[in-house]
Amino acid sequence: KELQQVVRDALLGRRLADKLVKVYRIGGEESWIL
């Protein structure tokens, strides 16, 4: 849903991205990967 929001709001022509994923790094920090 977050990735769809980015794609919908970008309105900048062709934009291809497959997955936005939330992970946790060693040490506990939440990080996102596009």
ModelCIF file with pLDDT and N, C-alpha, C, O atoms, coordinates in Angstrom:
data_MODEL
#
_entry.id   MODEL 
#
_entity.id                         1 
_entity.type                       polymer 
_entity.pdbx_number_of_molecules   1 
#
_entity_poly.entity_id                      1 
_entity_poly.type                           'polypeptide(L)' 
_entity_poly.nstd_linkage                   no 
_entity_poly.nstd_monomer                   no 
_entity_poly.pdbx_seq_one_letter_code       KELQQVVRDALLGRRLADKLVKVYRIGGEESWIL 
_entity_poly.pdbx_seq_one_letter_code_can   KELQQVVRDALLGRRLADKLVKVYRIGGEESWIL 
_entity_poly.pdbx_strand_id                 A 
#
loop_
_entity_poly_seq.entity_id 
_entity_poly_seq.num 
_entity_poly_seq.mon_id 
_entity_poly_seq.hetero 
1 1  LYS n 
1 2  GLU n 
1 3  LEU n 
1 4  GLN n 
1 5  GLN n 
1 6  VAL n 
1 7  VAL n 
1 8  ARG n 
1 9  ASP n 
1 10 ALA n 
1 11 LEU n 
1 12 LEU n 
1 13 GLY n 
1 14 ARG n 
1 15 ARG n 
1 16 LEU n 
1 17 ALA n 
1 18 ASP n 
1 19 LYS n 
1 20 LEU n 
1 21 VAL n 
1 22 LYS n 
1 23 VAL n 
1 24 TYR n 
1 25 ARG n 
1 26 ILE n 
1 27 GLY n 
1 28 GLY n 
1 29 GLU n 
1 30 GLU n 
1 31 SER n 
1 32 TRP n 
1 33 ILE n 
1 34 LEU n 
#
_struct_asym.id          A 
_struct_asym.entity_id   1 
#
loop_
_ma_qa_metric.id 
_ma_qa_metric.mode 
_ma_qa_metric.name 
_ma_qa_metric.software_group_id 
_ma_qa_metric.type 
1 global pLDDT . pLDDT 
2 local  pLDDT . pLDDT 
#
_ma_qa_metric_global.metric_id      1 
_ma_qa_metric_global.metric_value   74.41 
_ma_qa_metric_global.model_id       1 
_ma_qa_metric_global.ordinal_id     1 
#
loop_
_ma_qa_metric_local.label_asym_id 
_ma_qa_metric_local.label_comp_id 
_ma_qa_metric_local.label_seq_id 
_ma_qa_metric_local.metric_id 
_ma_qa_metric_local.metric_value 
_ma_qa_metric_local.model_id 
_ma_qa_metric_local.ordinal_id 
A LYS 1  2 81.00 1 1  
A GLU 2  2 79.00 1 2  
A LEU 3  2 78.00 1 3  
A GLN 4  2 76.00 1 4  
A GLN 5  2 75.00 1 5  
A VAL 6  2 74.00 1 6  
A VAL 7  2 68.00 1 7  
A ARG 8  2 66.00 1 8  
A ASP 9  2 57.00 1 9  
A ALA 10 2 57.00 1 10 
A LEU 11 2 54.00 1 11 
A LEU 12 2 52.00 1 12 
A GLY 13 2 51.00 1 13 
A ARG 14 2 51.00 1 14 
A ARG 15 2 47.00 1 15 
A LEU 16 2 52.00 1 16 
A ALA 17 2 48.00 1 17 
A ASP 18 2 65.00 1 18 
A LYS 19 2 80.00 1 19 
A LEU 20 2 85.00 1 20 
A VAL 21 2 90.00 1 21 
A LYS 22 2 90.00 1 22 
A VAL 23 2 91.00 1 23 
A TYR 24 2 91.00 1 24 
A ARG 25 2 92.00 1 25 
A ILE 26 2 92.00 1 26 
A GLY 27 2 90.00 1 27 
A GLY 28 2 87.00 1 28 
A GLU 29 2 87.00 1 29 
A GLU 30 2 88.00 1 30 
A SER 31 2 89.00 1 31 
A TRP 32 2 87.00 1 32 
A ILE 33 2 85.00 1 33 
A LEU 34 2 75.00 1 34 
#
loop_
_atom_site.group_PDB 
_atom_site.id 
_atom_site.type_symbol 
_atom_site.label_atom_id 
_atom_site.label_alt_id 
_atom_site.label_comp_id 
_atom_site.label_asym_id 
_atom_site.label_entity_id 
_atom_site.label_seq_id 
_atom_site.pdbx_PDB_ins_code 
_atom_site.Cartn_x 
_atom_site.Cartn_y 
_atom_site.Cartn_z 
_atom_site.occupancy 
_atom_site.B_iso_or_equiv 
_atom_site.pdbx_formal_charge 
_atom_site.auth_seq_id 
_atom_site.auth_comp_id 
_atom_site.auth_asym_id 
_atom_site.auth_atom_id 
_atom_site.pdbx_PDB_model_num 
ATOM 1   N N  . LYS A 1 1  ? 0.831  -1.210 0.000   1.00 81.00 ? 1  LYS A N  1 
ATOM 2   C CA . LYS A 1 1  ? 0.000  0.000  0.000   1.00 81.00 ? 1  LYS A CA 1 
ATOM 3   C C  . LYS A 1 1  ? 0.862  1.254  0.000   1.00 81.00 ? 1  LYS A C  1 
ATOM 4   O O  . LYS A 1 1  ? 0.542  2.228  -0.681  1.00 81.00 ? 1  LYS A O  1 
ATOM 5   N N  . GLU A 1 2  ? 1.948  1.235  0.756   1.00 79.00 ? 2  GLU A N  1 
ATOM 6   C CA . GLU A 1 2  ? 2.843  2.382  0.790   1.00 79.00 ? 2  GLU A CA 1 
ATOM 7   C C  . GLU A 1 2  ? 3.482  2.611  -0.576  1.00 79.00 ? 2  GLU A C  1 
ATOM 8   O O  . GLU A 1 2  ? 3.601  3.753  -1.021  1.00 79.00 ? 2  GLU A O  1 
ATOM 9   N N  . LEU A 1 3  ? 3.891  1.542  -1.240  1.00 78.00 ? 3  LEU A N  1 
ATOM 10  C CA . LEU A 1 3  ? 4.497  1.669  -2.563  1.00 78.00 ? 3  LEU A CA 1 
ATOM 11  C C  . LEU A 1 3  ? 3.469  2.171  -3.576  1.00 78.00 ? 3  LEU A C  1 
ATOM 12  O O  . LEU A 1 3  ? 3.800  2.994  -4.429  1.00 78.00 ? 3  LEU A O  1 
ATOM 13  N N  . GLN A 1 4  ? 2.235  1.690  -3.494  1.00 76.00 ? 4  GLN A N  1 
ATOM 14  C CA . GLN A 1 4  ? 1.196  2.171  -4.398  1.00 76.00 ? 4  GLN A CA 1 
ATOM 15  C C  . GLN A 1 4  ? 0.959  3.664  -4.226  1.00 76.00 ? 4  GLN A C  1 
ATOM 16  O O  . GLN A 1 4  ? 0.715  4.375  -5.201  1.00 76.00 ? 4  GLN A O  1 
ATOM 17  N N  . GLN A 1 5  ? 1.031  4.138  -2.993  1.00 75.00 ? 5  GLN A N  1 
ATOM 18  C CA . GLN A 1 5  ? 0.866  5.566  -2.714  1.00 75.00 ? 5  GLN A CA 1 
ATOM 19  C C  . GLN A 1 5  ? 1.969  6.375  -3.401  1.00 75.00 ? 5  GLN A C  1 
ATOM 20  O O  . GLN A 1 5  ? 1.702  7.423  -3.989  1.00 75.00 ? 5  GLN A O  1 
ATOM 21  N N  . VAL A 1 6  ? 3.184  5.892  -3.323  1.00 74.00 ? 6  VAL A N  1 
ATOM 22  C CA . VAL A 1 6  ? 4.310  6.583  -3.955  1.00 74.00 ? 6  VAL A CA 1 
ATOM 23  C C  . VAL A 1 6  ? 4.133  6.618  -5.461  1.00 74.00 ? 6  VAL A C  1 
ATOM 24  O O  . VAL A 1 6  ? 4.328  7.660  -6.086  1.00 74.00 ? 6  VAL A O  1 
ATOM 25  N N  . VAL A 1 7  ? 3.766  5.488  -6.047  1.00 68.00 ? 7  VAL A N  1 
ATOM 26  C CA . VAL A 1 7  ? 3.592  5.415  -7.496  1.00 68.00 ? 7  VAL A CA 1 
ATOM 27  C C  . VAL A 1 7  ? 2.448  6.318  -7.930  1.00 68.00 ? 7  VAL A C  1 
ATOM 28  O O  . VAL A 1 7  ? 2.575  7.038  -8.920  1.00 68.00 ? 7  VAL A O  1 
ATOM 29  N N  . ARG A 1 8  ? 1.340  6.293  -7.213  1.00 66.00 ? 8  ARG A N  1 
ATOM 30  C CA . ARG A 1 8  ? 0.172  7.100  -7.572  1.00 66.00 ? 8  ARG A CA 1 
ATOM 31  C C  . ARG A 1 8  ? 0.490  8.583  -7.442  1.00 66.00 ? 8  ARG A C  1 
ATOM 32  O O  . ARG A 1 8  ? 0.093  9.374  -8.297  1.00 66.00 ? 8  ARG A O  1 
ATOM 33  N N  . ASP A 1 9  ? 1.192  8.966  -6.397  1.00 57.00 ? 9  ASP A N  1 
ATOM 34  C CA . ASP A 1 9  ? 1.476  10.372 -6.154  1.00 57.00 ? 9  ASP A CA 1 
ATOM 35  C C  . ASP A 1 9  ? 2.607  10.918 -7.023  1.00 57.00 ? 9  ASP A C  1 
ATOM 36  O O  . ASP A 1 9  ? 2.675  12.126 -7.250  1.00 57.00 ? 9  ASP A O  1 
ATOM 37  N N  . ALA A 1 10 ? 3.483  10.065 -7.505  1.00 57.00 ? 10 ALA A N  1 
ATOM 38  C CA . ALA A 1 10 ? 4.639  10.548 -8.254  1.00 57.00 ? 10 ALA A CA 1 
ATOM 39  C C  . ALA A 1 10 ? 4.216  11.237 -9.547  1.00 57.00 ? 10 ALA A C  1 
ATOM 40  O O  . ALA A 1 10 ? 4.708  12.320 -9.864  1.00 57.00 ? 10 ALA A O  1 
ATOM 41  N N  . LEU A 1 11 ? 3.318  10.621 -10.286 1.00 54.00 ? 11 LEU A N  1 
ATOM 42  C CA . LEU A 1 11 ? 2.833  11.197 -11.550 1.00 54.00 ? 11 LEU A CA 1 
ATOM 43  C C  . LEU A 1 11 ? 3.970  11.735 -12.413 1.00 54.00 ? 11 LEU A C  1 
ATOM 44  O O  . LEU A 1 11 ? 3.876  12.826 -12.977 1.00 54.00 ? 11 LEU A O  1 
ATOM 45  N N  . LEU A 1 12 ? 5.021  10.972 -12.505 1.00 52.00 ? 12 LEU A N  1 
ATOM 46  C CA . LEU A 1 12 ? 6.191  11.438 -13.237 1.00 52.00 ? 12 LEU A CA 1 
ATOM 47  C C  . LEU A 1 12 ? 6.513  10.517 -14.409 1.00 52.00 ? 12 LEU A C  1 
ATOM 48  O O  . LEU A 1 12 ? 7.682  10.273 -14.707 1.00 52.00 ? 12 LEU A O  1 
ATOM 49  N N  . GLY A 1 13 ? 5.507  10.021 -15.054 1.00 51.00 ? 13 GLY A N  1 
ATOM 50  C CA . GLY A 1 13 ? 5.751  9.151  -16.196 1.00 51.00 ? 13 GLY A CA 1 
ATOM 51  C C  . GLY A 1 13 ? 5.993  7.726  -15.757 1.00 51.00 ? 13 GLY A C  1 
ATOM 52  O O  . GLY A 1 13 ? 5.439  7.279  -14.753 1.00 51.00 ? 13 GLY A O  1 
ATOM 53  N N  . ARG A 1 14 ? 6.804  7.020  -16.489 1.00 51.00 ? 14 ARG A N  1 
ATOM 54  C CA . ARG A 1 14 ? 7.053  5.610  -16.250 1.00 51.00 ? 14 ARG A CA 1 
ATOM 55  C C  . ARG A 1 14 ? 7.801  5.403  -14.944 1.00 51.00 ? 14 ARG A C  1 
ATOM 56  O O  . ARG A 1 14 ? 8.881  5.961  -14.753 1.00 51.00 ? 14 ARG A O  1 
ATOM 57  N N  . ARG A 1 15 ? 7.252  4.625  -14.064 1.00 47.00 ? 15 ARG A N  1 
ATOM 58  C CA . ARG A 1 15 ? 7.892  4.311  -12.798 1.00 47.00 ? 15 ARG A CA 1 
ATOM 59  C C  . ARG A 1 15 ? 7.666  2.838  -12.505 1.00 47.00 ? 15 ARG A C  1 
ATOM 60  O O  . ARG A 1 15 ? 6.532  2.416  -12.279 1.00 47.00 ? 15 ARG A O  1 
ATOM 61  N N  . LEU A 1 16 ? 8.718  2.067  -12.506 1.00 52.00 ? 16 LEU A N  1 
ATOM 62  C CA . LEU A 1 16 ? 8.598  0.642  -12.259 1.00 52.00 ? 16 LEU A CA 1 
ATOM 63  C C  . LEU A 1 16 ? 9.367  0.288  -10.999 1.00 52.00 ? 16 LEU A C  1 
ATOM 64  O O  . LEU A 1 16 ? 10.577 0.499  -10.915 1.00 52.00 ? 16 LEU A O  1 
ATOM 65  N N  . ALA A 1 17 ? 8.667  -0.241 -10.040 1.00 48.00 ? 17 ALA A N  1 
ATOM 66  C CA . ALA A 1 17 ? 9.329  -0.744 -8.841  1.00 48.00 ? 17 ALA A CA 1 
ATOM 67  C C  . ALA A 1 17 ? 8.513  -1.919 -8.357  1.00 48.00 ? 17 ALA A C  1 
ATOM 68  O O  . ALA A 1 17 ? 7.286  -1.913 -8.460  1.00 48.00 ? 17 ALA A O  1 
ATOM 69  N N  . ASP A 1 18 ? 9.176  -2.915 -7.836  1.00 65.00 ? 18 ASP A N  1 
ATOM 70  C CA . ASP A 1 18 ? 8.447  -4.109 -7.493  1.00 65.00 ? 18 ASP A CA 1 
ATOM 71  C C  . ASP A 1 18 ? 8.051  -4.197 -6.023  1.00 65.00 ? 18 ASP A C  1 
ATOM 72  O O  . ASP A 1 18 ? 6.885  -4.458 -5.729  1.00 65.00 ? 18 ASP A O  1 
ATOM 73  N N  . LYS A 1 19 ? 8.957  -3.993 -5.110  1.00 80.00 ? 19 LYS A N  1 
ATOM 74  C CA . LYS A 1 19 ? 8.636  -4.252 -3.714  1.00 80.00 ? 19 LYS A CA 1 
ATOM 75  C C  . LYS A 1 19 ? 9.260  -3.211 -2.796  1.00 80.00 ? 19 LYS A C  1 
ATOM 76  O O  . LYS A 1 19 ? 10.394 -2.772 -2.986  1.00 80.00 ? 19 LYS A O  1 
ATOM 77  N N  . LEU A 1 20 ? 8.482  -2.840 -1.804  1.00 85.00 ? 20 LEU A N  1 
ATOM 78  C CA . LEU A 1 20 ? 8.970  -2.033 -0.699  1.00 85.00 ? 20 LEU A CA 1 
ATOM 79  C C  . LEU A 1 20 ? 8.820  -2.928 0.522   1.00 85.00 ? 20 LEU A C  1 
ATOM 80  O O  . LEU A 1 20 ? 7.725  -3.420 0.799   1.00 85.00 ? 20 LEU A O  1 
ATOM 81  N N  . VAL A 1 21 ? 9.903  -3.144 1.253   1.00 90.00 ? 21 VAL A N  1 
ATOM 82  C CA . VAL A 1 21 ? 9.903  -4.131 2.325   1.00 90.00 ? 21 VAL A CA 1 
ATOM 83  C C  . VAL A 1 21 ? 10.459 -3.516 3.602   1.00 90.00 ? 21 VAL A C  1 
ATOM 84  O O  . VAL A 1 21 ? 11.504 -2.865 3.591   1.00 90.00 ? 21 VAL A O  1 
ATOM 85  N N  . LYS A 1 22 ? 9.739  -3.735 4.707   1.00 90.00 ? 22 LYS A N  1 
ATOM 86  C CA . LYS A 1 22 ? 10.233 -3.317 6.010   1.00 90.00 ? 22 LYS A CA 1 
ATOM 87  C C  . LYS A 1 22 ? 11.003 -4.482 6.622   1.00 90.00 ? 22 LYS A C  1 
ATOM 88  O O  . LYS A 1 22 ? 10.499 -5.602 6.703   1.00 90.00 ? 22 LYS A O  1 
ATOM 89  N N  . VAL A 1 23 ? 12.221 -4.205 7.048   1.00 91.00 ? 23 VAL A N  1 
ATOM 90  C CA . VAL A 1 23 ? 13.064 -5.210 7.703   1.00 91.00 ? 23 VAL A CA 1 
ATOM 91  C C  . VAL A 1 23 ? 13.625 -4.594 8.980   1.00 91.00 ? 23 VAL A C  1 
ATOM 92  O O  . VAL A 1 23 ? 13.505 -3.391 9.216   1.00 91.00 ? 23 VAL A O  1 
ATOM 93  N N  . TYR A 1 24 ? 14.235 -5.438 9.788   1.00 91.00 ? 24 TYR A N  1 
ATOM 94  C CA . TYR A 1 24 ? 14.922 -4.965 10.987  1.00 91.00 ? 24 TYR A CA 1 
ATOM 95  C C  . TYR A 1 24 ? 16.385 -5.318 10.866  1.00 91.00 ? 24 TYR A C  1 
ATOM 96  O O  . TYR A 1 24 ? 16.746 -6.451 10.545  1.00 91.00 ? 24 TYR A O  1 
ATOM 97  N N  . ARG A 1 25 ? 17.225 -4.327 11.129  1.00 92.00 ? 25 ARG A N  1 
ATOM 98  C CA . ARG A 1 25 ? 18.659 -4.557 11.065  1.00 92.00 ? 25 ARG A CA 1 
ATOM 99  C C  . ARG A 1 25 ? 19.131 -5.193 12.363  1.00 92.00 ? 25 ARG A C  1 
ATOM 100 O O  . ARG A 1 25 ? 18.470 -5.090 13.396  1.00 92.00 ? 25 ARG A O  1 
ATOM 101 N N  . ILE A 1 26 ? 20.256 -5.837 12.297  1.00 92.00 ? 26 ILE A N  1 
ATOM 102 C CA . ILE A 1 26 ? 20.849 -6.384 13.510  1.00 92.00 ? 26 ILE A CA 1 
ATOM 103 C C  . ILE A 1 26 ? 21.106 -5.196 14.433  1.00 92.00 ? 26 ILE A C  1 
ATOM 104 O O  . ILE A 1 26 ? 21.757 -4.231 14.033  1.00 92.00 ? 26 ILE A O  1 
ATOM 105 N N  . GLY A 1 27 ? 20.612 -5.259 15.637  1.00 90.00 ? 27 GLY A N  1 
ATOM 106 C CA . GLY A 1 27 ? 20.664 -4.131 16.542  1.00 90.00 ? 27 GLY A CA 1 
ATOM 107 C C  . GLY A 1 27 ? 19.281 -3.530 16.749  1.00 90.00 ? 27 GLY A C  1 
ATOM 108 O O  . GLY A 1 27 ? 19.100 -2.682 17.623  1.00 90.00 ? 27 GLY A O  1 
ATOM 109 N N  . GLY A 1 28 ? 18.290 -3.964 15.946  1.00 87.00 ? 28 GLY A N  1 
ATOM 110 C CA . GLY A 1 28 ? 16.912 -3.581 16.179  1.00 87.00 ? 28 GLY A CA 1 
ATOM 111 C C  . GLY A 1 28 ? 16.358 -2.437 15.360  1.00 87.00 ? 28 GLY A C  1 
ATOM 112 O O  . GLY A 1 28 ? 15.157 -2.174 15.429  1.00 87.00 ? 28 GLY A O  1 
ATOM 113 N N  . GLU A 1 29 ? 17.183 -1.740 14.583  1.00 87.00 ? 29 GLU A N  1 
ATOM 114 C CA . GLU A 1 29 ? 16.703 -0.585 13.823  1.00 87.00 ? 29 GLU A CA 1 
ATOM 115 C C  . GLU A 1 29 ? 15.782 -1.024 12.685  1.00 87.00 ? 29 GLU A C  1 
ATOM 116 O O  . GLU A 1 29 ? 16.124 -1.903 11.894  1.00 87.00 ? 29 GLU A O  1 
ATOM 117 N N  . GLU A 1 30 ? 14.601 -0.388 12.619  1.00 88.00 ? 30 GLU A N  1 
ATOM 118 C CA . GLU A 1 30 ? 13.680 -0.657 11.516  1.00 88.00 ? 30 GLU A CA 1 
ATOM 119 C C  . GLU A 1 30 ? 14.203 0.048  10.272  1.00 88.00 ? 30 GLU A C  1 
ATOM 120 O O  . GLU A 1 30 ? 14.583 1.217  10.336  1.00 88.00 ? 30 GLU A O  1 
ATOM 121 N N  . SER A 1 31 ? 14.225 -0.647 9.147   1.00 89.00 ? 31 SER A N  1 
ATOM 122 C CA . SER A 1 31 ? 14.688 -0.075 7.884   1.00 89.00 ? 31 SER A CA 1 
ATOM 123 C C  . SER A 1 31 ? 13.751 -0.512 6.776   1.00 89.00 ? 31 SER A C  1 
ATOM 124 O O  . SER A 1 31 ? 13.084 -1.541 6.880   1.00 89.00 ? 31 SER A O  1 
ATOM 125 N N  . TRP A 1 32 ? 13.709 0.275  5.717   1.00 87.00 ? 32 TRP A N  1 
ATOM 126 C CA . TRP A 1 32 ? 12.906 -0.065 4.555   1.00 87.00 ? 32 TRP A CA 1 
ATOM 127 C C  . TRP A 1 32 ? 13.828 -0.291 3.364   1.00 87.00 ? 32 TRP A C  1 
ATOM 128 O O  . TRP A 1 32 ? 14.847 0.382  3.213   1.00 87.00 ? 32 TRP A O  1 
ATOM 129 N N  . ILE A 1 33 ? 13.455 -1.240 2.531   1.00 85.00 ? 33 ILE A N  1 
ATOM 130 C CA . ILE A 1 33 ? 14.222 -1.556 1.319   1.00 85.00 ? 33 ILE A CA 1 
ATOM 131 C C  . ILE A 1 33 ? 13.297 -1.417 0.122   1.00 85.00 ? 33 ILE A C  1 
ATOM 132 O O  . ILE A 1 33 ? 12.224 -2.019 0.086   1.00 85.00 ? 33 ILE A O  1 
ATOM 133 N N  . LEU A 1 34 ? 13.708 -0.633 -0.844  1.00 75.00 ? 34 LEU A N  1 
ATOM 134 C CA . LEU A 1 34 ? 13.004 -0.552 -2.120  1.00 75.00 ? 34 LEU A CA 1 
ATOM 135 C C  . LEU A 1 34 ? 13.739 -1.492 -3.064  1.00 75.00 ? 34 LEU A C  1 
ATOM 136 O O  . LEU A 1 34 ? 13.355 -1.624 -4.226  1.00 75.00 ? 34 LEU A O  1 
#
